[in-house]
Amino acid sequence: MTALRRVSVLVLAATLGAAGCGQEKPKAETGPPASTVAPASALPQASAPPPPSVRPPASVAAASPISKVLLIAEENHAYDQIIGAPDAPYLNELARTYGSATRMDAGYRAACPSLAAYILLTSGSTAGICDDRTPKAHRLRGDNVFQQVAASGRDWRGYAESAPGPCPLVSSSDGRYLVRHVPATYYIDGRQDCARWVVPMGDPHHGALHDDVAGGALPAFGFVTPDACHDMHGAATCPADGVGTGDRWLRSWLPSILAGPDYRAGRLAIIITWDEGTSTDNHIPTLVISPTTRHTESDQAFTHCSTLRTIEELLRLPLLGCAAGAASMVAAFHL
């Protein structure tokens, strides 16, 4: 090596060593920080890159006739508070008739409140969230199932009961519409779609969900958010019997969905899950309903990451974040 080359190498090594040992300068921020989706096992920094998506094996769900998924999110009850509970007769009937996951865990820290569950269910990461702040505080960037569906040329919907209008970014004054239960509102790259596709739900006799069910026009992915009275969360104006109220609400909706053209044609699967259990126990009930799921009880260990994986497999989408390493529910529930 010539003297000139030796000097160049030494200068380059010294430069790299200084860059590696120097302290990073603090980043200036304007407004609330933008959270970024990252793997569920980590508590990511806001500047972390979004997780890569993974294409599932071609054989997974390839033969399934299911092309639409409706996810109904209930609130704040552990497995034993629903399954076998006398005030949830309809849910227990559904569990016996269709499919029940007996070892479903929310998959994140039980001490964290609801929002983390909704973000995990739809992106494969909690984005480091452990609070229930609004979309203004958590401006999430990165891929998510809503964005995936739209990018594939298909529609999605967020059916939000008691929402005062399309894509409301704050909770209602009466506490019945809670924005933290409507995950699409947090993803800022899809805000234009949110304005079109997060809609007031209506009731079993008229409105957006009724019309899409009756017309066989459910989207590829629908996220159903009952209001605080009907998702068992509760609010000041809600009946004291939270579980019974939610159970009766489901009884008012599910028969028409099961009698609708999408379900009767064999192309719709319905998943009913809970965001979390209690502050100490995240063992939650999850029901899987489809034309090919009958009298099935699975004791396989699942999490919200499994629910996301199952949705993505059925919709033939790449697997996001923790979904790539989670157990699928497709085979267990004959989807």
Protein backbone atom coordinates (compact mmCIF):
# COMPACT_ATOMS: atom_id res chain seq x y z
CA MET A 1 0.00 0.00 0.00
CA THR A 2 1.45 3.42 -0.94
CA ALA A 3 1.93 6.15 1.66
CA LEU A 4 -0.91 8.16 0.09
CA ARG A 5 -3.38 5.22 0.33
CA ARG A 6 -2.33 4.53 3.96
CA VAL A 7 -3.07 8.13 4.88
CA SER A 8 -6.47 7.99 3.12
CA VAL A 9 -7.47 4.82 4.98
CA LEU A 10 -6.46 6.28 8.33
CA VAL A 11 -8.42 9.47 7.69
CA LEU A 12 -11.53 7.48 6.68
CA ALA A 13 -11.27 5.23 9.78
CA ALA A 14 -10.94 8.23 12.05
CA THR A 15 -13.97 9.88 10.46
CA LEU A 16 -16.18 6.78 10.88
CA GLY A 17 -15.04 6.30 14.48
CA ALA A 18 -15.94 9.87 15.36
CA ALA A 19 -19.37 9.53 13.75
CA GLY A 20 -20.09 6.31 15.69
CA CYS A 21 -19.02 7.67 19.06
CA GLY A 22 -20.54 11.14 18.83
CA GLN A 23 -23.86 11.92 20.52
CA GLU A 24 -26.95 12.31 18.35
CA LYS A 25 -28.36 15.81 18.34
CA PRO A 26 -31.88 16.18 19.68
CA LYS A 27 -34.54 16.45 16.97
CA ALA A 28 -36.66 19.54 16.76
CA GLU A 29 -40.39 18.81 16.73
CA THR A 30 -43.35 20.88 15.69
CA GLY A 31 -46.71 19.74 16.98
CA PRO A 32 -47.41 16.24 18.31
CA PRO A 33 -44.86 13.60 17.29
CA ALA A 34 -45.79 11.24 14.47
CA SER A 35 -45.71 7.66 15.78
CA THR A 36 -44.43 5.03 13.35
CA VAL A 37 -45.60 1.44 13.16
CA ALA A 38 -42.93 -1.08 14.21
CA PRO A 39 -42.84 -4.75 15.32
CA ALA A 40 -45.08 -5.53 18.30
CA SER A 41 -42.24 -6.91 20.38
CA ALA A 42 -40.54 -3.53 20.47
CA LEU A 43 -41.42 -0.16 21.91
CA PRO A 44 -40.24 1.82 18.88
CA GLN A 45 -38.91 5.33 18.59
CA ALA A 46 -41.04 7.67 16.49
CA SER A 47 -38.35 7.75 13.81
CA ALA A 48 -38.13 3.94 13.45
CA PRO A 49 -38.91 2.64 9.94
CA PRO A 50 -42.20 0.79 9.38
CA PRO A 51 -41.94 -3.01 9.58
CA PRO A 52 -41.53 -4.91 6.34
CA SER A 53 -44.50 -6.90 5.17
CA VAL A 54 -44.16 -10.60 4.49
CA ARG A 55 -46.07 -12.44 1.79
CA PRO A 56 -47.81 -15.51 3.28
CA PRO A 57 -47.24 -18.90 1.62
CA ALA A 58 -49.32 -19.31 -1.51
CA SER A 59 -51.08 -22.35 -0.06
CA VAL A 60 -52.46 -20.46 2.97
CA ALA A 61 -56.14 -19.66 2.46
CA ALA A 62 -55.63 -20.06 -1.31
CA ALA A 63 -58.61 -22.38 -1.61
CA SER A 64 -60.81 -20.42 0.77
CA PRO A 65 -63.97 -18.91 -0.72
CA ILE A 66 -63.78 -16.12 1.88
CA SER A 67 -63.06 -12.74 0.29
CA LYS A 68 -64.59 -10.44 2.92
CA VAL A 69 -64.00 -10.08 6.66
CA LEU A 70 -66.12 -8.20 9.19
CA LEU A 71 -64.35 -7.56 12.51
CA ILE A 72 -66.54 -6.56 15.47
CA ALA A 73 -64.60 -5.14 18.43
CA GLU A 74 -66.05 -5.41 21.92
CA GLU A 75 -64.45 -3.99 25.07
CA ASN A 76 -62.82 -4.68 28.41
CA HIS A 77 -63.90 -8.19 29.37
CA ALA A 78 -61.84 -11.27 30.05
CA TYR A 79 -62.68 -14.73 28.73
CA ASP A 80 -64.47 -15.98 31.86
CA GLN A 81 -66.60 -12.83 32.00
CA ILE A 82 -68.21 -13.77 28.66
CA ILE A 83 -67.83 -17.47 27.93
CA GLY A 84 -70.13 -19.33 30.31
CA ALA A 85 -71.59 -16.08 31.66
CA PRO A 86 -75.38 -16.16 32.17
CA ASP A 87 -75.80 -12.55 30.99
CA ALA A 88 -74.28 -13.35 27.56
CA PRO A 89 -76.59 -16.11 26.26
CA TYR A 90 -76.41 -15.09 22.61
CA LEU A 91 -72.62 -14.90 22.55
CA ASN A 92 -72.40 -18.33 24.14
CA GLU A 93 -74.83 -19.69 21.57
CA LEU A 94 -72.62 -18.30 18.81
CA ALA A 95 -69.52 -19.79 20.47
CA ARG A 96 -71.10 -23.25 20.54
CA THR A 97 -72.54 -23.05 17.03
CA TYR A 98 -69.51 -21.61 15.21
CA GLY A 99 -65.95 -21.16 16.52
CA SER A 100 -64.40 -20.12 19.82
CA ALA A 101 -60.71 -19.48 20.57
CA THR A 102 -60.19 -20.56 24.17
CA ARG A 103 -56.57 -19.37 24.49
CA MET A 104 -56.69 -15.92 22.95
CA ASP A 105 -54.53 -13.28 24.61
CA ALA A 106 -54.62 -9.64 23.53
CA GLY A 107 -50.87 -9.85 23.03
CA TYR A 108 -49.74 -6.66 24.72
CA ARG A 109 -49.23 -5.46 28.30
CA ALA A 110 -52.40 -5.74 30.36
CA ALA A 111 -51.54 -2.46 32.12
CA CYS A 112 -51.93 -0.55 28.84
CA PRO A 113 -55.43 0.71 27.91
CA SER A 114 -57.53 0.16 24.80
CA LEU A 115 -55.83 2.11 22.03
CA ALA A 116 -52.80 -0.17 21.87
CA ALA A 117 -55.08 -3.11 21.04
CA TYR A 118 -56.74 -1.35 18.12
CA ILE A 119 -53.43 -0.30 16.62
CA LEU A 120 -51.97 -3.80 17.12
CA LEU A 121 -55.02 -5.39 15.47
CA THR A 122 -54.70 -3.24 12.37
CA SER A 123 -50.96 -2.68 11.90
CA GLY A 124 -49.09 -5.49 13.64
CA SER A 125 -47.59 -3.15 16.23
CA THR A 126 -48.66 -1.10 19.23
CA ALA A 127 -46.40 1.72 17.94
CA GLY A 128 -45.19 2.03 21.54
CA ILE A 129 -48.59 3.37 22.64
CA CYS A 130 -49.75 2.84 26.21
CA ASP A 131 -52.42 5.53 26.56
CA ASP A 132 -55.79 6.48 25.06
CA ARG A 133 -54.89 9.84 23.54
CA THR A 134 -56.51 11.15 20.37
CA PRO A 135 -55.31 11.04 16.74
CA LYS A 136 -53.88 14.53 17.25
CA ALA A 137 -51.39 13.07 19.75
CA HIS A 138 -50.70 9.85 17.79
CA ARG A 139 -50.27 10.64 14.11
CA LEU A 140 -49.41 7.16 12.92
CA ARG A 141 -47.40 6.59 9.75
CA GLY A 142 -46.60 3.27 8.17
CA ASP A 143 -48.56 0.44 6.61
CA ASN A 144 -51.80 -0.91 8.07
CA VAL A 145 -54.59 -3.20 6.94
CA PHE A 146 -56.80 -0.31 5.79
CA GLN A 147 -54.04 1.01 3.56
CA GLN A 148 -53.29 -2.50 2.29
CA VAL A 149 -56.90 -3.06 1.23
CA ALA A 150 -57.10 0.30 -0.53
CA ALA A 151 -53.77 -0.32 -2.29
CA SER A 152 -55.14 -3.64 -3.58
CA GLY A 153 -57.98 -1.78 -5.33
CA ARG A 154 -60.66 -2.81 -2.85
CA ASP A 155 -62.79 -0.90 -0.35
CA TRP A 156 -62.83 -0.97 3.43
CA ARG A 157 -65.23 0.59 5.92
CA GLY A 158 -65.15 1.66 9.52
CA TYR A 159 -68.75 1.36 10.75
CA ALA A 160 -68.79 3.55 13.87
CA GLU A 161 -71.96 3.57 15.93
CA SER A 162 -73.01 6.98 17.32
CA ALA A 163 -70.35 8.76 15.25
CA PRO A 164 -71.54 12.35 14.66
CA GLY A 165 -70.30 12.27 11.05
CA PRO A 166 -67.64 10.75 8.81
CA CYS A 167 -64.18 10.17 10.35
CA PRO A 168 -64.62 12.15 13.59
CA LEU A 169 -61.20 12.74 15.18
CA VAL A 170 -62.50 13.47 18.69
CA SER A 171 -64.91 11.59 20.94
CA SER A 172 -68.50 12.73 21.26
CA SER A 173 -69.56 14.86 24.21
CA ASP A 174 -71.92 12.16 25.50
CA GLY A 175 -69.10 9.60 25.62
CA ARG A 176 -70.80 7.09 23.34
CA TYR A 177 -68.56 7.57 20.30
CA LEU A 178 -64.97 7.01 21.45
CA VAL A 179 -62.37 7.83 18.80
CA ARG A 180 -59.80 5.53 20.42
CA HIS A 181 -62.02 2.59 19.38
CA VAL A 182 -61.89 3.62 15.70
CA PRO A 183 -58.34 2.80 14.59
CA ALA A 184 -58.55 4.12 11.02
CA THR A 185 -58.70 7.67 12.41
CA TYR A 186 -55.09 7.38 13.65
CA TYR A 187 -53.39 6.60 10.32
CA ILE A 188 -52.64 9.96 8.74
CA ASP A 189 -51.55 8.60 5.35
CA GLY A 190 -55.08 7.25 4.90
CA ARG A 191 -56.92 10.31 6.19
CA GLN A 192 -58.53 10.96 2.78
CA ASP A 193 -59.97 7.44 2.77
CA CYS A 194 -61.04 7.88 6.39
CA ALA A 195 -63.15 10.87 5.37
CA ARG A 196 -65.01 8.65 2.89
CA TRP A 197 -65.02 5.28 4.57
CA VAL A 198 -65.31 5.77 8.34
CA VAL A 199 -69.04 6.31 8.53
CA PRO A 200 -71.86 6.42 11.08
CA MET A 201 -73.06 2.83 11.39
CA GLY A 202 -76.81 3.36 11.62
CA ASP A 203 -79.06 0.77 13.25
CA PRO A 204 -80.28 -2.71 12.29
CA HIS A 205 -83.10 -1.23 10.19
CA HIS A 206 -81.37 1.51 8.21
CA GLY A 207 -78.02 3.19 7.67
CA ALA A 208 -74.61 2.30 6.27
CA LEU A 209 -74.08 -1.18 7.72
CA HIS A 210 -77.70 -2.26 7.20
CA ASP A 211 -77.61 -1.11 3.57
CA ASP A 212 -74.30 -2.82 2.78
CA VAL A 213 -75.45 -6.07 4.42
CA ALA A 214 -78.83 -6.08 2.68
CA GLY A 215 -77.33 -5.21 -0.70
CA GLY A 216 -74.56 -7.81 -0.58
CA ALA A 217 -72.18 -4.86 -0.78
CA LEU A 218 -70.00 -5.30 2.28
CA PRO A 219 -66.42 -4.17 1.62
CA ALA A 220 -63.41 -6.47 1.60
CA PHE A 221 -62.70 -5.42 5.18
CA GLY A 222 -65.15 -3.90 7.63
CA PHE A 223 -64.23 -2.75 11.14
CA VAL A 224 -67.37 -2.50 13.29
CA THR A 225 -67.17 -0.24 16.35
CA PRO A 226 -70.26 -0.45 18.57
CA ASP A 227 -70.74 2.62 20.74
CA ALA A 228 -69.73 2.65 24.41
CA CYS A 229 -73.09 1.28 25.52
CA HIS A 230 -73.04 -1.63 23.10
CA ASP A 231 -69.35 -2.62 23.18
CA MET A 232 -69.58 -3.36 26.94
CA HIS A 233 -67.28 -0.43 27.76
CA GLY A 234 -69.99 1.74 29.33
CA ALA A 235 -70.63 5.46 29.68
CA ALA A 236 -72.65 7.73 31.95
CA THR A 237 -75.75 7.36 29.79
CA CYS A 238 -75.47 3.59 29.32
CA PRO A 239 -77.40 0.83 31.13
CA ALA A 240 -75.59 -0.71 34.09
CA ASP A 241 -75.83 -4.20 32.56
CA GLY A 242 -72.90 -3.80 30.16
CA VAL A 243 -72.46 -7.44 29.14
CA GLY A 244 -76.18 -8.05 28.74
CA THR A 245 -76.61 -4.83 26.75
CA GLY A 246 -73.78 -5.80 24.40
CA ASP A 247 -75.13 -9.32 24.04
CA ARG A 248 -78.57 -8.03 23.08
CA TRP A 249 -77.00 -5.59 20.62
CA LEU A 250 -75.20 -8.43 18.87
CA ARG A 251 -78.45 -10.41 18.76
CA SER A 252 -80.09 -7.43 17.01
CA TRP A 253 -77.42 -7.37 14.28
CA LEU A 254 -75.99 -10.85 13.65
CA PRO A 255 -79.12 -12.61 12.30
CA SER A 256 -79.48 -10.11 9.46
CA ILE A 257 -75.75 -10.31 8.66
CA LEU A 258 -75.91 -14.12 8.59
CA ALA A 259 -78.99 -13.93 6.35
CA GLY A 260 -77.35 -11.38 4.02
CA PRO A 261 -76.15 -12.15 0.48
CA ASP A 262 -72.43 -11.96 1.33
CA TYR A 263 -72.66 -14.58 4.07
CA ARG A 264 -75.10 -16.84 2.21
CA ALA A 265 -72.78 -16.81 -0.82
CA GLY A 266 -69.98 -18.13 1.39
CA ARG A 267 -67.69 -15.14 0.94
CA LEU A 268 -67.95 -13.51 4.39
CA ALA A 269 -66.24 -14.37 7.69
CA ILE A 270 -67.05 -12.55 10.93
CA ILE A 271 -64.67 -12.22 13.87
CA ILE A 272 -65.94 -10.95 17.23
CA THR A 273 -63.14 -10.09 19.63
CA TRP A 274 -62.42 -7.97 22.68
CA ASP A 275 -59.74 -5.31 22.80
CA GLU A 276 -58.47 -6.38 26.23
CA GLY A 277 -59.49 -8.24 29.34
CA THR A 278 -58.84 -6.66 32.72
CA SER A 279 -55.96 -4.58 34.07
CA THR A 280 -54.23 -7.81 35.11
CA ASP A 281 -55.49 -10.44 32.63
CA ASN A 282 -55.58 -10.16 28.84
CA HIS A 283 -57.09 -13.61 28.23
CA ILE A 284 -60.03 -12.59 26.04
CA PRO A 285 -62.87 -14.29 24.17
CA THR A 286 -62.78 -14.39 20.38
CA LEU A 287 -65.47 -15.92 18.15
CA VAL A 288 -65.03 -16.91 14.51
CA ILE A 289 -68.15 -17.22 12.39
CA SER A 290 -68.19 -18.48 8.82
CA PRO A 291 -70.24 -20.83 6.63
CA THR A 292 -67.51 -23.48 7.03
CA THR A 293 -66.93 -23.06 10.78
CA ARG A 294 -69.21 -25.30 12.83
CA HIS A 295 -69.01 -26.41 16.47
CA THR A 296 -65.28 -25.66 16.64
CA GLU A 297 -63.31 -24.90 19.79
CA SER A 298 -59.59 -24.27 19.43
CA ASP A 299 -57.17 -24.34 22.37
CA GLN A 300 -54.28 -23.12 20.23
CA ALA A 301 -52.55 -20.00 21.57
CA PHE A 302 -53.55 -16.90 19.58
CA THR A 303 -53.17 -13.13 19.97
CA HIS A 304 -54.39 -10.02 18.17
CA CYS A 305 -51.44 -10.61 15.85
CA SER A 306 -53.12 -13.90 14.89
CA THR A 307 -56.36 -12.07 14.15
CA LEU A 308 -54.51 -9.65 11.86
CA ARG A 309 -52.67 -12.52 10.16
CA THR A 310 -55.94 -14.35 9.56
CA ILE A 311 -57.57 -11.27 8.04
CA GLU A 312 -54.57 -10.66 5.78
CA GLU A 313 -54.41 -14.30 4.68
CA LEU A 314 -58.11 -14.38 3.81
CA LEU A 315 -57.78 -11.13 1.87
CA ARG A 316 -54.52 -12.31 0.22
CA LEU A 317 -52.48 -9.44 1.67
CA PRO A 318 -48.87 -9.36 2.88
CA LEU A 319 -48.39 -9.94 6.59
CA LEU A 320 -47.63 -6.85 8.65
CA GLY A 321 -45.35 -6.68 11.70
CA CYS A 322 -46.15 -9.29 14.33
CA ALA A 323 -48.65 -11.03 12.02
CA ALA A 324 -45.72 -12.60 10.18
CA GLY A 325 -44.72 -14.61 13.25
CA ALA A 326 -48.18 -15.24 14.72
CA ALA A 327 -50.25 -18.40 14.55
CA SER A 328 -52.93 -18.34 11.86
CA MET A 329 -56.57 -19.15 12.69
CA VAL A 330 -57.42 -20.19 9.12
CA ALA A 331 -56.90 -23.94 9.57
CA ALA A 332 -58.15 -24.08 13.17
CA PHE A 333 -61.52 -22.64 12.16
CA HIS A 334 -61.79 -24.22 8.70
CA LEU A 335 -61.83 -20.88 6.90
